[in-house]
N, C-alpha and C. Protein backbone atom coordinates (compact mmCIF):
# COMPACT_ATOMS: atom_id res chain seq x y z
N MET A 1 -286.67 -117.10 120.91
CA MET A 1 -287.86 -117.75 120.78
C MET A 1 -287.68 -118.60 119.88
N PRO A 2 -288.67 -119.89 120.16
CA PRO A 2 -288.38 -121.13 119.42
C PRO A 2 -289.43 -120.23 118.11
N GLU A 3 -289.16 -121.18 116.88
CA GLU A 3 -289.50 -121.29 115.25
C GLU A 3 -290.99 -121.91 115.49
N THR A 4 -292.34 -121.07 114.95
CA THR A 4 -293.32 -121.32 115.55
C THR A 4 -293.70 -122.39 114.07
N LYS A 5 -294.35 -123.54 114.19
CA LYS A 5 -294.08 -124.77 112.99
C LYS A 5 -295.44 -124.18 112.08
N THR A 6 -294.91 -124.03 111.06
CA THR A 6 -295.97 -123.26 110.15
C THR A 6 -296.06 -124.84 108.78
N ILE A 7 -297.05 -124.66 108.23
CA ILE A 7 -297.44 -125.20 107.14
C ILE A 7 -297.82 -124.43 105.69
N GLU A 8 -297.17 -123.83 104.91
CA GLU A 8 -297.67 -123.15 104.02
C GLU A 8 -298.26 -123.93 102.84
N LEU A 9 -299.75 -124.25 102.99
CA LEU A 9 -300.50 -124.98 101.90
C LEU A 9 -300.93 -124.63 100.69
N GLU A 10 -300.81 -124.69 99.63
CA GLU A 10 -301.70 -124.28 98.74
C GLU A 10 -302.56 -125.18 98.12
N CYS A 11 -304.04 -125.13 98.20
CA CYS A 11 -304.75 -126.59 97.78
C CYS A 11 -305.67 -125.65 96.44
N GLN A 12 -305.49 -126.82 95.35
CA GLN A 12 -305.96 -126.23 94.23
C GLN A 12 -307.07 -127.37 93.97
N ASN A 13 -308.24 -127.06 93.53
CA ASN A 13 -309.50 -128.08 93.03
C ASN A 13 -309.57 -127.89 91.58
N ALA A 14 -308.74 -128.41 90.76
CA ALA A 14 -308.89 -128.14 89.10
C ALA A 14 -309.62 -129.44 88.95
N SER A 15 -310.29 -130.23 89.66
CA SER A 15 -311.27 -131.12 89.11
C SER A 15 -312.75 -131.16 88.97
N GLY A 16 -312.98 -130.03 89.52
CA GLY A 16 -314.31 -129.66 89.89
C GLY A 16 -315.36 -130.40 90.95
N SER A 17 -314.92 -131.47 91.25
CA SER A 17 -315.46 -132.25 92.17
C SER A 17 -315.82 -131.80 93.35
N PRO A 18 -317.33 -131.58 93.85
CA PRO A 18 -317.39 -130.83 95.06
C PRO A 18 -317.14 -131.63 96.29
N ASN A 19 -316.67 -132.97 96.16
CA ASN A 19 -316.24 -133.85 97.26
C ASN A 19 -315.18 -133.89 97.55
N VAL A 20 -314.42 -132.86 97.33
CA VAL A 20 -312.53 -132.77 97.46
C VAL A 20 -312.69 -132.26 99.15
N PRO A 21 -311.93 -132.68 99.83
CA PRO A 21 -311.49 -132.18 101.27
C PRO A 21 -311.28 -131.15 101.19
N SER A 22 -311.56 -130.54 102.46
CA SER A 22 -311.10 -128.96 103.08
C SER A 22 -309.68 -128.82 103.13
N ALA A 23 -309.22 -127.82 102.86
CA ALA A 23 -307.54 -127.18 103.28
C ALA A 23 -307.52 -127.59 104.43
N ALA A 24 -308.32 -127.38 105.71
CA ALA A 24 -308.20 -127.60 106.64
C ALA A 24 -307.77 -129.16 107.04
N GLU A 25 -308.27 -130.05 106.39
CA GLU A 25 -308.57 -131.48 106.46
C GLU A 25 -306.97 -131.63 105.59
N PHE A 26 -306.51 -131.36 104.90
CA PHE A 26 -305.52 -131.43 103.82
C PHE A 26 -304.39 -131.49 104.75
N GLU A 27 -304.45 -130.24 105.71
CA GLU A 27 -302.96 -129.74 106.33
C GLU A 27 -303.27 -130.68 107.40
N ARG A 28 -304.39 -131.17 108.02
CA ARG A 28 -304.37 -131.88 109.36
C ARG A 28 -303.51 -133.16 109.27
N TRP A 29 -303.94 -133.57 107.94
CA TRP A 29 -303.50 -134.94 107.32
C TRP A 29 -301.63 -134.92 107.24
N ILE A 30 -301.36 -133.78 106.19
CA ILE A 30 -300.08 -133.64 106.35
C ILE A 30 -299.20 -132.86 107.57
N ALA A 31 -299.72 -132.43 108.56
CA ALA A 31 -299.15 -132.31 109.62
C ALA A 31 -299.01 -133.61 110.27
N ILE A 32 -299.74 -134.84 110.18
CA ILE A 32 -299.19 -136.05 110.90
C ILE A 32 -297.92 -136.41 110.64
N ALA A 33 -298.22 -136.48 108.97
CA ALA A 33 -296.72 -137.15 108.35
C ALA A 33 -295.55 -135.95 108.07
N LEU A 34 -295.36 -134.88 108.75
CA LEU A 34 -294.51 -134.03 108.77
C LEU A 34 -292.90 -134.77 109.08
N GLU A 35 -293.24 -135.84 109.60
CA GLU A 35 -292.01 -136.16 110.65
C GLU A 35 -291.28 -135.05 111.46
N GLY A 36 -291.82 -134.60 111.92
CA GLY A 36 -290.82 -133.29 112.78
C GLY A 36 -290.37 -132.03 112.09
N ARG A 37 -290.77 -132.58 110.87
CA ARG A 37 -290.37 -130.91 110.23
C ARG A 37 -290.92 -129.72 110.44
N GLN A 38 -290.50 -128.53 110.38
CA GLN A 38 -291.17 -127.36 110.41
C GLN A 38 -290.74 -126.67 109.18
N ASN A 39 -291.76 -125.35 109.17
CA ASN A 39 -292.02 -124.61 108.07
C ASN A 39 -291.80 -124.96 106.78
N VAL A 40 -292.83 -125.45 106.18
CA VAL A 40 -292.38 -125.98 104.97
C VAL A 40 -293.69 -125.65 104.10
N ALA A 41 -293.51 -125.89 102.83
CA ALA A 41 -294.62 -125.40 101.82
C ALA A 41 -294.54 -126.25 101.06
N LEU A 42 -295.75 -126.29 100.63
CA LEU A 42 -295.94 -127.30 99.58
C LEU A 42 -297.61 -127.36 98.79
N THR A 43 -297.96 -127.68 97.91
CA THR A 43 -299.40 -127.67 97.09
C THR A 43 -299.81 -129.09 96.79
N VAL A 44 -301.10 -129.07 96.84
CA VAL A 44 -302.18 -129.97 96.79
C VAL A 44 -302.74 -130.00 95.60
N ARG A 45 -302.52 -130.64 94.86
CA ARG A 45 -303.51 -130.16 93.26
C ARG A 45 -304.48 -131.54 93.20
N VAL A 46 -305.95 -131.13 93.07
CA VAL A 46 -306.75 -131.87 92.47
C VAL A 46 -307.28 -132.02 91.25
N VAL A 47 -307.15 -133.03 90.76
CA VAL A 47 -307.34 -132.82 89.16
C VAL A 47 -308.26 -134.03 88.79
N ASP A 48 -308.69 -133.82 87.50
CA ASP A 48 -309.86 -134.95 87.07
C ASP A 48 -308.95 -135.80 86.18
N GLU A 49 -309.75 -137.03 85.64
CA GLU A 49 -308.88 -138.26 85.24
C GLU A 49 -308.20 -137.78 83.98
N ALA A 50 -308.34 -136.79 83.36
CA ALA A 50 -308.09 -136.45 82.05
C ALA A 50 -306.47 -136.00 82.28
N GLU A 51 -306.60 -134.94 83.28
CA GLU A 51 -305.07 -133.93 83.74
C GLU A 51 -304.11 -135.33 84.32
N MET A 52 -304.94 -136.06 84.95
CA MET A 52 -304.17 -136.93 85.68
C MET A 52 -303.31 -137.92 84.79
N GLN A 53 -304.05 -138.71 83.97
CA GLN A 53 -303.57 -139.60 82.95
C GLN A 53 -302.34 -138.41 81.98
N ALA A 54 -302.88 -137.18 81.66
CA ALA A 54 -301.72 -136.61 81.00
C ALA A 54 -300.29 -136.71 81.68
N LEU A 55 -300.25 -136.50 83.22
CA LEU A 55 -299.37 -136.48 83.95
C LEU A 55 -298.69 -137.66 84.33
N ASN A 56 -299.25 -138.56 84.14
CA ASN A 56 -298.90 -140.17 84.95
C ASN A 56 -298.22 -140.43 83.12
N SER A 57 -298.58 -140.27 81.93
CA SER A 57 -297.94 -140.44 80.97
C SER A 57 -296.81 -139.71 80.60
N ARG A 58 -296.80 -138.57 80.86
CA ARG A 58 -295.60 -137.62 80.66
C ARG A 58 -294.47 -138.01 81.66
N PHE A 59 -294.97 -137.97 82.95
CA PHE A 59 -293.69 -138.16 84.23
C PHE A 59 -293.50 -139.91 84.45
N ARG A 60 -294.47 -140.60 84.12
CA ARG A 60 -293.91 -142.05 84.45
C ARG A 60 -294.21 -143.21 83.68
N GLY A 61 -294.50 -142.31 82.29
CA GLY A 61 -294.77 -143.40 80.85
C GLY A 61 -296.05 -144.39 81.19
N ARG A 62 -297.16 -144.07 81.76
CA ARG A 62 -298.20 -144.97 81.89
C ARG A 62 -299.22 -144.23 81.48
N ASP A 63 -299.80 -144.62 80.43
CA ASP A 63 -301.24 -143.82 79.72
C ASP A 63 -302.42 -144.22 80.07
N LYS A 64 -302.75 -143.93 81.70
CA LYS A 64 -303.70 -143.90 82.32
C LYS A 64 -303.75 -143.03 83.60
N PRO A 65 -305.00 -142.78 84.06
CA PRO A 65 -304.62 -142.09 85.12
C PRO A 65 -304.66 -142.72 86.29
N THR A 66 -303.71 -142.21 87.65
CA THR A 66 -303.55 -142.89 88.76
C THR A 66 -304.19 -142.08 89.87
N ASN A 67 -304.10 -142.48 91.14
CA ASN A 67 -304.71 -142.02 92.21
C ASN A 67 -303.86 -140.93 92.79
N VAL A 68 -302.54 -140.78 93.05
CA VAL A 68 -301.44 -140.14 93.25
C VAL A 68 -300.23 -139.79 92.64
N LEU A 69 -299.49 -138.56 92.37
CA LEU A 69 -298.13 -138.43 92.10
C LEU A 69 -297.59 -137.33 92.85
N SER A 70 -296.55 -137.47 93.08
CA SER A 70 -295.74 -136.87 94.06
C SER A 70 -294.24 -136.00 93.03
N PHE A 71 -294.47 -134.37 93.27
CA PHE A 71 -293.28 -134.19 92.56
C PHE A 71 -292.35 -133.16 93.51
N PRO A 72 -291.36 -133.79 94.16
CA PRO A 72 -290.41 -133.36 94.98
C PRO A 72 -290.20 -131.63 94.56
N ALA A 73 -289.96 -130.73 95.13
CA ALA A 73 -288.78 -129.76 94.81
C ALA A 73 -287.62 -130.00 94.41
N ASP A 74 -287.29 -129.44 93.60
CA ASP A 74 -285.79 -129.55 92.97
C ASP A 74 -284.90 -128.59 93.24
N LEU A 75 -284.64 -128.81 94.56
CA LEU A 75 -283.81 -127.13 95.11
C LEU A 75 -282.18 -127.96 95.19
N PRO A 76 -281.31 -126.91 94.56
CA PRO A 76 -279.96 -127.16 94.60
C PRO A 76 -279.59 -127.40 95.71
N ALA A 77 -278.46 -128.47 95.82
CA ALA A 77 -277.93 -128.82 97.17
C ALA A 77 -277.53 -127.59 98.15
N ALA A 78 -277.16 -126.43 97.55
CA ALA A 78 -276.68 -125.42 98.35
C ALA A 78 -277.70 -124.66 99.04
N LEU A 79 -278.85 -124.81 98.48
CA LEU A 79 -280.16 -124.27 98.88
C LEU A 79 -280.82 -124.86 100.34
N LYS A 80 -280.86 -126.20 99.90
CA LYS A 80 -281.42 -127.25 100.98
C LYS A 80 -281.23 -126.64 102.63
N GLY A 81 -282.12 -126.74 103.34
CA GLY A 81 -282.03 -126.31 104.97
C GLY A 81 -282.08 -125.07 105.02
N LYS A 82 -281.93 -124.03 103.83
CA LYS A 82 -281.54 -122.59 103.96
C LYS A 82 -282.36 -121.63 103.48
N ILE A 83 -284.00 -122.46 103.26
CA ILE A 83 -284.98 -121.57 102.91
C ILE A 83 -286.27 -121.94 103.60
N SER A 84 -286.85 -120.97 104.35
CA SER A 84 -287.91 -121.18 104.91
C SER A 84 -289.25 -120.32 104.50
N PRO A 85 -290.08 -120.87 104.55
CA PRO A 85 -290.59 -122.26 104.52
C PRO A 85 -289.79 -122.67 103.58
N GLU A 86 -289.26 -124.40 103.75
CA GLU A 86 -288.87 -125.29 102.82
C GLU A 86 -289.81 -125.58 101.92
N PRO A 87 -289.66 -125.57 100.69
CA PRO A 87 -290.45 -125.93 99.60
C PRO A 87 -290.28 -127.46 99.43
N LEU A 88 -291.40 -128.31 100.11
CA LEU A 88 -291.09 -129.56 99.73
C LEU A 88 -291.81 -130.15 98.13
N GLY A 89 -292.62 -129.48 97.39
CA GLY A 89 -292.88 -130.04 96.65
C GLY A 89 -294.54 -130.40 96.04
N ASP A 90 -295.01 -130.80 95.21
CA ASP A 90 -296.46 -130.65 95.30
C ASP A 90 -297.06 -132.34 95.32
N ILE A 91 -298.07 -132.41 95.77
CA ILE A 91 -298.66 -133.80 95.15
C ILE A 91 -300.03 -133.56 94.68
N VAL A 92 -300.25 -134.21 93.75
CA VAL A 92 -301.32 -134.17 92.59
C VAL A 92 -302.24 -135.39 93.12
N ILE A 93 -303.76 -135.11 92.88
CA ILE A 93 -304.57 -136.30 93.53
C ILE A 93 -305.77 -136.19 92.34
N CYS A 94 -306.15 -137.58 91.94
CA CYS A 94 -307.15 -137.75 90.83
C CYS A 94 -308.52 -138.07 91.55
N ALA A 95 -309.49 -136.82 91.90
CA ALA A 95 -310.78 -136.79 92.45
C ALA A 95 -311.58 -138.42 91.71
N GLU A 96 -311.70 -138.51 90.86
CA GLU A 96 -312.11 -139.82 90.42
C GLU A 96 -311.64 -140.72 90.78
N VAL A 97 -310.59 -141.46 90.58
CA VAL A 97 -309.70 -142.47 90.81
C VAL A 97 -309.95 -142.60 92.64
N VAL A 98 -309.80 -141.45 93.20
CA VAL A 98 -309.89 -141.59 94.55
C VAL A 98 -311.19 -142.36 95.49
N GLN A 99 -312.32 -141.27 94.40
CA GLN A 99 -313.76 -142.23 95.10
C GLN A 99 -314.01 -143.69 94.68
N ALA A 100 -313.62 -143.76 93.39
CA ALA A 100 -313.69 -145.21 92.72
C ALA A 100 -313.22 -146.23 93.61
N GLU A 101 -312.02 -145.80 94.09
CA GLU A 101 -311.02 -146.90 94.60
C GLU A 101 -311.78 -146.82 96.39
N ALA A 102 -311.99 -146.03 96.78
CA ALA A 102 -312.88 -145.94 98.05
C ALA A 102 -314.08 -146.39 97.97
N ASP A 103 -314.36 -146.58 96.92
CA ASP A 103 -315.84 -147.52 96.90
C ASP A 103 -315.72 -148.74 96.51
N GLN A 104 -314.82 -149.33 95.60
CA GLN A 104 -314.31 -150.59 95.57
C GLN A 104 -313.75 -151.45 96.54
N GLN A 105 -312.80 -150.37 97.41
CA GLN A 105 -312.61 -151.19 98.50
C GLN A 105 -313.11 -151.21 100.09
N ASN A 106 -314.45 -150.54 99.78
CA ASN A 106 -315.36 -149.93 101.23
C ASN A 106 -314.82 -149.22 101.96
N LYS A 107 -314.56 -148.34 101.61
CA LYS A 107 -313.17 -147.46 102.68
C LYS A 107 -314.28 -146.22 102.82
N PRO A 108 -314.56 -145.46 103.75
CA PRO A 108 -314.93 -144.25 103.91
C PRO A 108 -313.85 -143.36 102.82
N HIS A 109 -314.54 -142.46 102.12
CA HIS A 109 -314.22 -141.45 101.38
C HIS A 109 -312.92 -140.85 101.83
N LYS A 110 -313.27 -139.93 103.00
CA LYS A 110 -312.38 -139.35 103.61
C LYS A 110 -311.06 -140.03 104.24
N ASP A 111 -311.30 -141.20 104.66
CA ASP A 111 -310.30 -142.18 105.29
C ASP A 111 -309.23 -142.01 103.93
N HIS A 112 -309.84 -142.67 102.88
CA HIS A 112 -308.84 -142.81 101.77
C HIS A 112 -308.22 -141.66 101.02
N TRP A 113 -308.65 -140.39 101.18
CA TRP A 113 -308.31 -139.30 100.91
C TRP A 113 -307.11 -139.09 101.63
N ALA A 114 -307.45 -139.15 102.76
CA ALA A 114 -306.14 -139.16 104.26
C ALA A 114 -304.76 -139.80 103.90
N HIS A 115 -305.29 -141.20 103.13
CA HIS A 115 -304.15 -142.01 103.15
C HIS A 115 -303.52 -141.70 101.50
N LEU A 116 -304.11 -141.35 100.78
CA LEU A 116 -303.28 -141.20 99.66
C LEU A 116 -302.75 -139.45 99.69
N THR A 117 -303.20 -138.45 100.75
CA THR A 117 -302.77 -137.34 100.87
C THR A 117 -300.93 -137.46 101.67
N ILE A 118 -301.24 -138.39 102.58
CA ILE A 118 -300.00 -138.87 103.73
C ILE A 118 -299.04 -139.84 102.51
N HIS A 119 -299.55 -140.33 101.92
CA HIS A 119 -298.46 -141.39 100.73
C HIS A 119 -297.73 -140.25 99.92
N GLY A 120 -298.52 -139.47 99.53
CA GLY A 120 -297.95 -138.51 98.39
C GLY A 120 -296.94 -137.46 99.39
N LEU A 121 -297.21 -137.28 100.44
CA LEU A 121 -296.02 -136.37 101.40
C LEU A 121 -294.93 -137.16 101.62
N LEU A 122 -294.94 -138.25 101.70
CA LEU A 122 -294.12 -139.29 102.41
C LEU A 122 -293.04 -139.37 101.15
N HIS A 123 -293.85 -139.43 99.83
CA HIS A 123 -292.81 -139.41 98.87
C HIS A 123 -292.17 -138.08 98.93
N LEU A 124 -292.60 -137.17 99.03
CA LEU A 124 -291.97 -135.63 98.88
C LEU A 124 -290.77 -135.49 100.28
N LEU A 125 -291.03 -136.39 101.11
CA LEU A 125 -290.17 -136.67 102.58
C LEU A 125 -289.17 -137.82 101.72
N GLY A 126 -289.04 -137.91 100.78
CA GLY A 126 -288.05 -138.96 100.16
C GLY A 126 -288.40 -140.55 100.51
N HIS A 127 -289.29 -140.97 100.67
CA HIS A 127 -289.88 -142.29 100.81
C HIS A 127 -290.40 -142.87 99.70
N ASP A 128 -289.90 -144.11 99.41
CA ASP A 128 -290.21 -144.97 98.22
C ASP A 128 -290.73 -146.40 98.42
N HIS A 129 -291.20 -146.74 97.41
CA HIS A 129 -291.78 -148.31 97.20
C HIS A 129 -291.16 -148.94 96.19
N GLN A 130 -289.90 -148.82 95.87
CA GLN A 130 -289.36 -149.53 94.67
C GLN A 130 -288.93 -150.84 95.09
N ASP A 131 -288.77 -151.08 95.95
CA ASP A 131 -288.66 -152.65 96.57
C ASP A 131 -289.50 -153.02 97.74
N ALA A 132 -289.47 -154.15 98.09
CA ALA A 132 -290.39 -155.05 99.32
C ALA A 132 -290.02 -153.91 100.41
N HIS A 133 -288.49 -153.90 100.79
CA HIS A 133 -288.06 -153.40 102.07
C HIS A 133 -288.64 -151.77 102.18
N GLU A 134 -288.61 -151.11 101.11
CA GLU A 134 -289.21 -149.59 101.10
C GLU A 134 -290.17 -149.59 101.26
N ALA A 135 -291.10 -150.75 100.46
CA ALA A 135 -292.55 -150.51 100.06
C ALA A 135 -293.26 -151.02 102.26
N ASP A 136 -292.46 -151.82 102.60
CA ASP A 136 -292.73 -152.11 103.99
C ASP A 136 -292.87 -151.05 104.77
N ALA A 137 -291.59 -150.45 104.98
CA ALA A 137 -291.09 -149.22 105.59
C ALA A 137 -292.12 -148.11 105.60
N MET A 138 -292.40 -147.69 104.11
CA MET A 138 -293.41 -147.06 103.76
C MET A 138 -295.02 -147.12 104.24
N GLU A 139 -295.56 -148.56 104.12
CA GLU A 139 -296.64 -148.89 104.38
C GLU A 139 -296.80 -148.69 106.11
N ARG A 140 -295.77 -148.95 106.68
CA ARG A 140 -295.83 -148.80 108.23
C ARG A 140 -296.14 -147.32 108.74
N GLN A 141 -295.21 -146.53 107.97
CA GLN A 141 -295.31 -145.06 108.41
C GLN A 141 -296.72 -144.72 108.17
N GLU A 142 -297.33 -145.29 107.23
CA GLU A 142 -298.65 -144.69 107.06
C GLU A 142 -299.54 -145.14 107.80
N ILE A 143 -299.35 -146.80 108.03
CA ILE A 143 -300.27 -147.17 109.16
C ILE A 143 -300.32 -146.64 110.30
N GLU A 144 -299.10 -145.82 110.96
CA GLU A 144 -298.69 -145.25 112.30
C GLU A 144 -299.51 -144.09 111.74
N CYS A 145 -298.96 -143.28 110.65
CA CYS A 145 -299.86 -141.69 110.60
C CYS A 145 -301.43 -141.86 110.68
N LEU A 146 -301.93 -142.60 109.69
CA LEU A 146 -303.32 -142.98 110.07
C LEU A 146 -303.85 -143.53 111.10
N ALA A 147 -303.27 -144.37 111.92
CA ALA A 147 -303.59 -144.81 113.05
C ALA A 147 -303.77 -143.32 114.21
N ALA A 148 -303.03 -142.30 114.17
CA ALA A 148 -303.03 -140.97 114.63
C ALA A 148 -304.06 -140.35 114.52
N LEU A 149 -304.51 -140.66 113.24
CA LEU A 149 -306.12 -139.96 112.94
C LEU A 149 -306.94 -140.66 113.23
N GLY A 150 -307.06 -142.06 113.70
CA GLY A 150 -308.34 -142.87 113.90
C GLY A 150 -308.70 -143.53 113.04
N ILE A 151 -307.65 -143.52 112.03
CA ILE A 151 -308.13 -144.13 110.68
C ILE A 151 -307.58 -145.95 110.51
N ALA A 152 -308.43 -146.92 110.18
CA ALA A 152 -308.33 -148.13 110.30
C ALA A 152 -306.79 -148.17 109.09
N ASP A 153 -305.82 -149.24 109.37
CA ASP A 153 -305.18 -149.76 108.46
C ASP A 153 -305.51 -149.74 107.20
N PRO A 154 -305.14 -149.42 105.96
CA PRO A 154 -305.63 -149.26 104.66
C PRO A 154 -305.34 -150.68 103.82
N TYR A 155 -304.11 -151.52 104.29
CA TYR A 155 -303.73 -152.38 104.00
C TYR A 155 -304.00 -153.78 104.32
N ASN A 156 -305.17 -153.47 105.77
CA ASN A 156 -305.56 -154.72 106.20
C ASN A 156 -307.19 -154.83 105.75
N HIS A 157 -307.41 -155.61 104.36
CA HIS A 157 -308.39 -155.22 103.46
C HIS A 157 -309.58 -156.65 104.62
């Protein structure tokens, strides 16, 4: 019997914002970007600006809040592919930054939440944007995932 596709998703709203998408919405966005992976586990934590600034300062050396950070699971090589569900890591999203960016960019808030969730997940899957080639490839994937959700290209302002 084939294995059932599962996403074990823990959603945490530490921001206090009432405008955070539902766990079902996060799961839908994540499922689109999983690249065929099955049986995965991850956490999406929504934080306020103070917590995001502290995380961004500690882990990226940037003393300001940002929209999304990803923390891939750090599994020993011997365990990769042997744990089910496979732990992917954590996506941390700052509610205030997402809302402000959506307003500044004239985008529907849910569309921006979806974009940043997918962006964070792609980082957990090993994608990056450290150089122009990587950035173009990652943006193309984001655009494809968002199009599958009926969301316009976020880079075509």
